[in-house]
C-alpha atoms as a PDB file:
ATOM      1  CA  MET A   1    -213.875 -16.157   3.687  1.00  0.00           C
ATOM      2  CA  SER A   2    -212.551 -16.416   7.238  1.00  0.00           C
ATOM      3  CA  ARG A   3    -208.953 -17.486   7.741  1.00  0.00           C
ATOM      4  CA  LYS A   4    -209.980 -20.772   9.459  1.00  0.00           C
ATOM      5  CA  LEU A   5    -212.401 -21.665   6.691  1.00  0.00           C
ATOM      6  CA  HIS A   6    -209.814 -20.788   4.052  1.00  0.00           C
ATOM      7  CA  LEU A   7    -207.199 -23.015   5.753  1.00  0.00           C
ATOM      8  CA  ALA A   8    -209.677 -25.876   6.079  1.00  0.00           C
ATOM      9  CA  ALA A   9    -210.591 -25.603   2.386  1.00  0.00           C
ATOM     10  CA  ALA A  10    -206.891 -25.565   1.440  1.00  0.00           C
ATOM     11  CA  ALA A  11    -206.191 -28.658   3.596  1.00  0.00           C
ATOM     12  CA  LEU A  12    -209.129 -30.518   2.043  1.00  0.00           C
ATOM     13  CA  ALA A  13    -207.986 -29.581  -1.473  1.00  0.00           C
ATOM     14  CA  LEU A  14    -204.449 -30.778  -0.707  1.00  0.00           C
ATOM     15  CA  ALA A  15    -205.718 -34.042   0.788  1.00  0.00           C
ATOM     16  CA  THR A  16    -207.917 -34.629  -2.243  1.00  0.00           C
ATOM     17  CA  ALA A  17    -205.019 -33.945  -4.596  1.00  0.00           C
ATOM     18  CA  LEU A  18    -202.816 -36.384  -2.661  1.00  0.00           C
ATOM     19  CA  GLY A  19    -205.542 -39.025  -2.574  1.00  0.00           C
ATOM     20  CA  LEU A  20    -205.873 -39.062   1.208  1.00  0.00           C
ATOM     21  CA  PRO A  21    -209.192 -40.294   2.556  1.00  0.00           C
ATOM     22  CA  ALA A  22    -211.384 -37.686   4.209  1.00  0.00           C
ATOM     23  CA  ALA A  23    -211.521 -39.894   7.330  1.00  0.00           C
ATOM     24  CA  ALA A  24    -207.797 -39.354   7.828  1.00  0.00           C
ATOM     25  CA  LEU A  25    -208.482 -35.634   8.102  1.00  0.00           C
ATOM     26  CA  ALA A  26    -211.459 -36.064  10.392  1.00  0.00           C
ATOM     27  CA  HIS A  27    -209.792 -38.325  12.945  1.00  0.00           C
ATOM     28  CA  GLY A  28    -206.127 -37.721  12.247  1.00  0.00           C
ATOM     29  CA  VAL A  29    -203.518 -40.414  11.988  1.00  0.00           C
ATOM     30  CA  ALA A  30    -202.456 -41.966  15.291  1.00  0.00           C
ATOM     31  CA  GLU A  31    -198.929 -41.390  16.554  1.00  0.00           C
ATOM     32  CA  PRO A  32    -196.614 -44.405  16.227  1.00  0.00           C
ATOM     33  CA  ARG A  33    -196.385 -46.376  19.482  1.00  0.00           C
ATOM     34  CA  HIS A  34    -193.976 -49.077  18.323  1.00  0.00           C
ATOM     35  CA  GLY A  35    -191.342 -47.086  16.425  1.00  0.00           C
ATOM     36  CA  GLY A  36    -192.971 -47.585  13.033  1.00  0.00           C
ATOM     37  CA  VAL A  37    -194.963 -45.621  10.478  1.00  0.00           C
ATOM     38  CA  VAL A  38    -198.723 -45.133  10.599  1.00  0.00           C
ATOM     39  CA  GLN A  39    -201.419 -45.044   7.918  1.00  0.00           C
ATOM     40  CA  ALA A  40    -205.164 -44.656   8.382  1.00  0.00           C
ATOM     41  CA  ALA A  41    -208.040 -46.444   6.684  1.00  0.00           C
ATOM     42  CA  GLY A  42    -211.536 -45.497   7.730  1.00  0.00           C
ATOM     43  CA  ASP A  43    -211.656 -45.202  11.512  1.00  0.00           C
ATOM     44  CA  LEU A  44    -208.631 -47.466  12.010  1.00  0.00           C
ATOM     45  CA  SER A  45    -204.925 -46.657  12.144  1.00  0.00           C
ATOM     46  CA  PHE A  46    -202.300 -49.231  11.191  1.00  0.00           C
ATOM     47  CA  GLU A  47    -198.683 -49.028  12.369  1.00  0.00           C
ATOM     48  CA  LEU A  48    -196.042 -50.951  10.448  1.00  0.00           C
ATOM     49  CA  ALA A  49    -192.996 -51.678  12.634  1.00  0.00           C
ATOM     50  CA  ALA A  50    -189.924 -53.887  12.533  1.00  0.00           C
ATOM     51  CA  THR A  51    -189.752 -56.701  15.088  1.00  0.00           C
ATOM     52  CA  ALA A  52    -187.241 -59.441  15.862  1.00  0.00           C
ATOM     53  CA  ASP A  53    -189.495 -61.926  13.990  1.00  0.00           C
ATOM     54  CA  GLY A  54    -190.150 -59.776  10.906  1.00  0.00           C
ATOM     55  CA  ALA A  55    -192.603 -56.962  10.244  1.00  0.00           C
ATOM     56  CA  ALA A  56    -195.631 -56.292  12.421  1.00  0.00           C
ATOM     57  CA  ILE A  57    -198.792 -54.275  11.951  1.00  0.00           C
ATOM     58  CA  PHE A  58    -200.492 -52.911  15.050  1.00  0.00           C
ATOM     59  CA  VAL A  59    -204.127 -51.757  14.781  1.00  0.00           C
ATOM     60  CA  ASP A  60    -205.673 -48.798  16.643  1.00  0.00           C
ATOM     61  CA  ASP A  61    -209.288 -47.693  16.726  1.00  0.00           C
ATOM     62  CA  HIS A  62    -209.556 -44.033  17.735  1.00  0.00           C
ATOM     63  CA  GLY A  63    -206.320 -44.204  19.733  1.00  0.00           C
ATOM     64  CA  LYS A  64    -207.061 -47.508  21.489  1.00  0.00           C
ATOM     65  CA  ALA A  65    -205.262 -50.733  20.615  1.00  0.00           C
ATOM     66  CA  LEU A  66    -207.540 -53.090  18.702  1.00  0.00           C
ATOM     67  CA  PRO A  67    -206.720 -56.802  18.954  1.00  0.00           C
ATOM     68  CA  PRO A  68    -206.586 -58.115  15.365  1.00  0.00           C
ATOM     69  CA  ALA A  69    -208.497 -61.348  16.072  1.00  0.00           C
ATOM     70  CA  GLY A  70    -209.997 -62.542  12.800  1.00  0.00           C
ATOM     71  CA  PHE A  71    -207.765 -60.260  10.693  1.00  0.00           C
ATOM     72  CA  GLY A  72    -205.402 -61.527   8.011  1.00  0.00           C
ATOM     73  CA  GLY A  73    -203.746 -60.495   4.781  1.00  0.00           C
ATOM     74  CA  ARG A  74    -200.421 -60.109   2.974  1.00  0.00           C
ATOM     75  CA  LEU A  75    -197.504 -57.707   3.266  1.00  0.00           C
ATOM     76  CA  THR A  76    -195.248 -56.901   0.317  1.00  0.00           C
ATOM     77  CA  VAL A  77    -191.967 -55.025   0.883  1.00  0.00           C
ATOM     78  CA  LEU A  78    -190.205 -53.384  -2.061  1.00  0.00           C
ATOM     79  CA  HIS A  79    -186.604 -52.201  -1.734  1.00  0.00           C
ATOM     80  CA  ALA A  80    -183.672 -51.797  -4.134  1.00  0.00           C
ATOM     81  CA  GLY A  81    -185.574 -53.426  -6.983  1.00  0.00           C
ATOM     82  CA  GLN A  82    -186.428 -56.506  -4.920  1.00  0.00           C
ATOM     83  CA  SER A  83    -189.881 -57.570  -3.767  1.00  0.00           C
ATOM     84  CA  ARG A  84    -190.599 -59.881  -0.822  1.00  0.00           C
ATOM     85  CA  GLU A  85    -193.994 -61.002   0.372  1.00  0.00           C
ATOM     86  CA  ALA A  86    -195.385 -62.822   3.404  1.00  0.00           C
ATOM     87  CA  ALA A  87    -198.743 -63.641   4.933  1.00  0.00           C
ATOM     88  CA  LEU A  88    -199.969 -61.472   7.805  1.00  0.00           C
ATOM     89  CA  GLN A  89    -201.006 -63.706  10.688  1.00  0.00           C
ATOM     90  CA  VAL A  90    -202.403 -62.822  14.094  1.00  0.00           C
ATOM     91  CA  ALA A  91    -199.695 -62.976  16.762  1.00  0.00           C
ATOM     92  CA  GLY A  92    -201.167 -61.692  20.017  1.00  0.00           C
ATOM     93  CA  ASP A  93    -201.719 -57.930  19.749  1.00  0.00           C
ATOM     94  CA  ARG A  94    -200.401 -57.639  16.169  1.00  0.00           C
ATOM     95  CA  LEU A  95    -200.411 -59.009  12.658  1.00  0.00           C
ATOM     96  CA  LEU A  96    -197.018 -60.523  11.901  1.00  0.00           C
ATOM     97  CA  ALA A  97    -195.264 -61.101   8.562  1.00  0.00           C
ATOM     98  CA  ARG A  98    -192.482 -63.466   9.588  1.00  0.00           C
ATOM     99  CA  GLY A  99    -189.102 -63.123   7.935  1.00  0.00           C
ATOM    100  CA  LEU A 100    -189.654 -59.753   6.241  1.00  0.00           C
ATOM    101  CA  ALA A 101    -187.038 -57.086   6.976  1.00  0.00           C
ATOM    102  CA  LEU A 102    -187.945 -53.398   6.970  1.00  0.00           C
ATOM    103  CA  THR A 103    -185.094 -51.144   5.877  1.00  0.00           C
ATOM    104  CA  PRO A 104    -185.176 -47.337   5.628  1.00  0.00           C
ATOM    105  CA  GLY A 105    -186.491 -46.222   2.259  1.00  0.00           C
ATOM    106  CA  ALA A 106    -188.378 -49.455   1.608  1.00  0.00           C
ATOM    107  CA  ARG A 107    -191.971 -49.237   0.451  1.00  0.00           C
ATOM    108  CA  ALA A 108    -194.543 -51.638   1.810  1.00  0.00           C
ATOM    109  CA  VAL A 109    -198.074 -52.503   0.748  1.00  0.00           C
ATOM    110  CA  ALA A 110    -200.345 -54.315   3.165  1.00  0.00           C
ATOM    111  CA  VAL A 111    -203.617 -55.854   2.047  1.00  0.00           C
ATOM    112  CA  VAL A 112    -205.521 -56.454   5.267  1.00  0.00           C
ATOM    113  CA  THR A 113    -208.839 -58.254   5.658  1.00  0.00           C
ATOM    114  CA  THR A 114    -210.722 -57.315   8.823  1.00  0.00           C
ATOM    115  CA  ALA A 115    -212.771 -59.660  10.975  1.00  0.00           C
ATOM    116  CA  ARG A 116    -215.880 -58.262   9.226  1.00  0.00           C
ATOM    117  CA  GLY A 117    -214.496 -59.239   5.808  1.00  0.00           C
ATOM    118  CA  GLN A 118    -213.583 -55.709   4.702  1.00  0.00           C
ATOM    119  CA  THR A 119    -210.397 -55.546   2.608  1.00  0.00           C
ATOM    120  CA  LEU A 120    -208.121 -52.533   3.116  1.00  0.00           C
ATOM    121  CA  THR A 121    -204.994 -51.594   1.172  1.00  0.00           C
ATOM    122  CA  LEU A 122    -202.346 -49.616   3.055  1.00  0.00           C
ATOM    123  CA  ARG A 123    -199.169 -48.085   1.650  1.00  0.00           C
ATOM    124  CA  PHE A 124    -196.173 -47.287   3.838  1.00  0.00           C
ATOM    125  CA  VAL A 125    -192.720 -45.761   3.338  1.00  0.00           C
ATOM    126  CA  VAL A 126    -190.284 -47.079   5.962  1.00  0.00           C
ATOM    127  CA  ARG A 127    -188.206 -44.448   7.749  1.00  0.00           C
END
C-alpha cells in the first residue's frame, strides 16, 4: 500500500471512529472568520461566535458566506452544570441567539433548520 493511500485510510478510519461525517473530510472545515469555532454539516460550515448581543452562527457554503434567510433553530449552551437555551433568528448575515453568553470551555448544541427544511444538529466546544 502506498504511503498516501495508507495515510488516507488511517484518516478515514479515525474520522469514522470519531463520528465525523465523510463530507467534512472531503471539503474540510472552513477557517473561522469571526473569532469562533467551526463545525461542518454536509456542504455547509457553521461558525459559532460571541457577539455583543449574544451568540451568533455564521453559515458558509464552500468558503463563501451564505445568507441564512429562511433558516431558524435553537441554541443550547452548557457550562458549569447550567444549561441556557435561546431561539436562533435571522439577523442580517447571521443567526442570532440573543442573550446567550459563550465562555471558554462551554459546550453548545445548535439545532438548525435550513430554508429547504433540512434539520442539522451541530456540536461545538467554545475556546
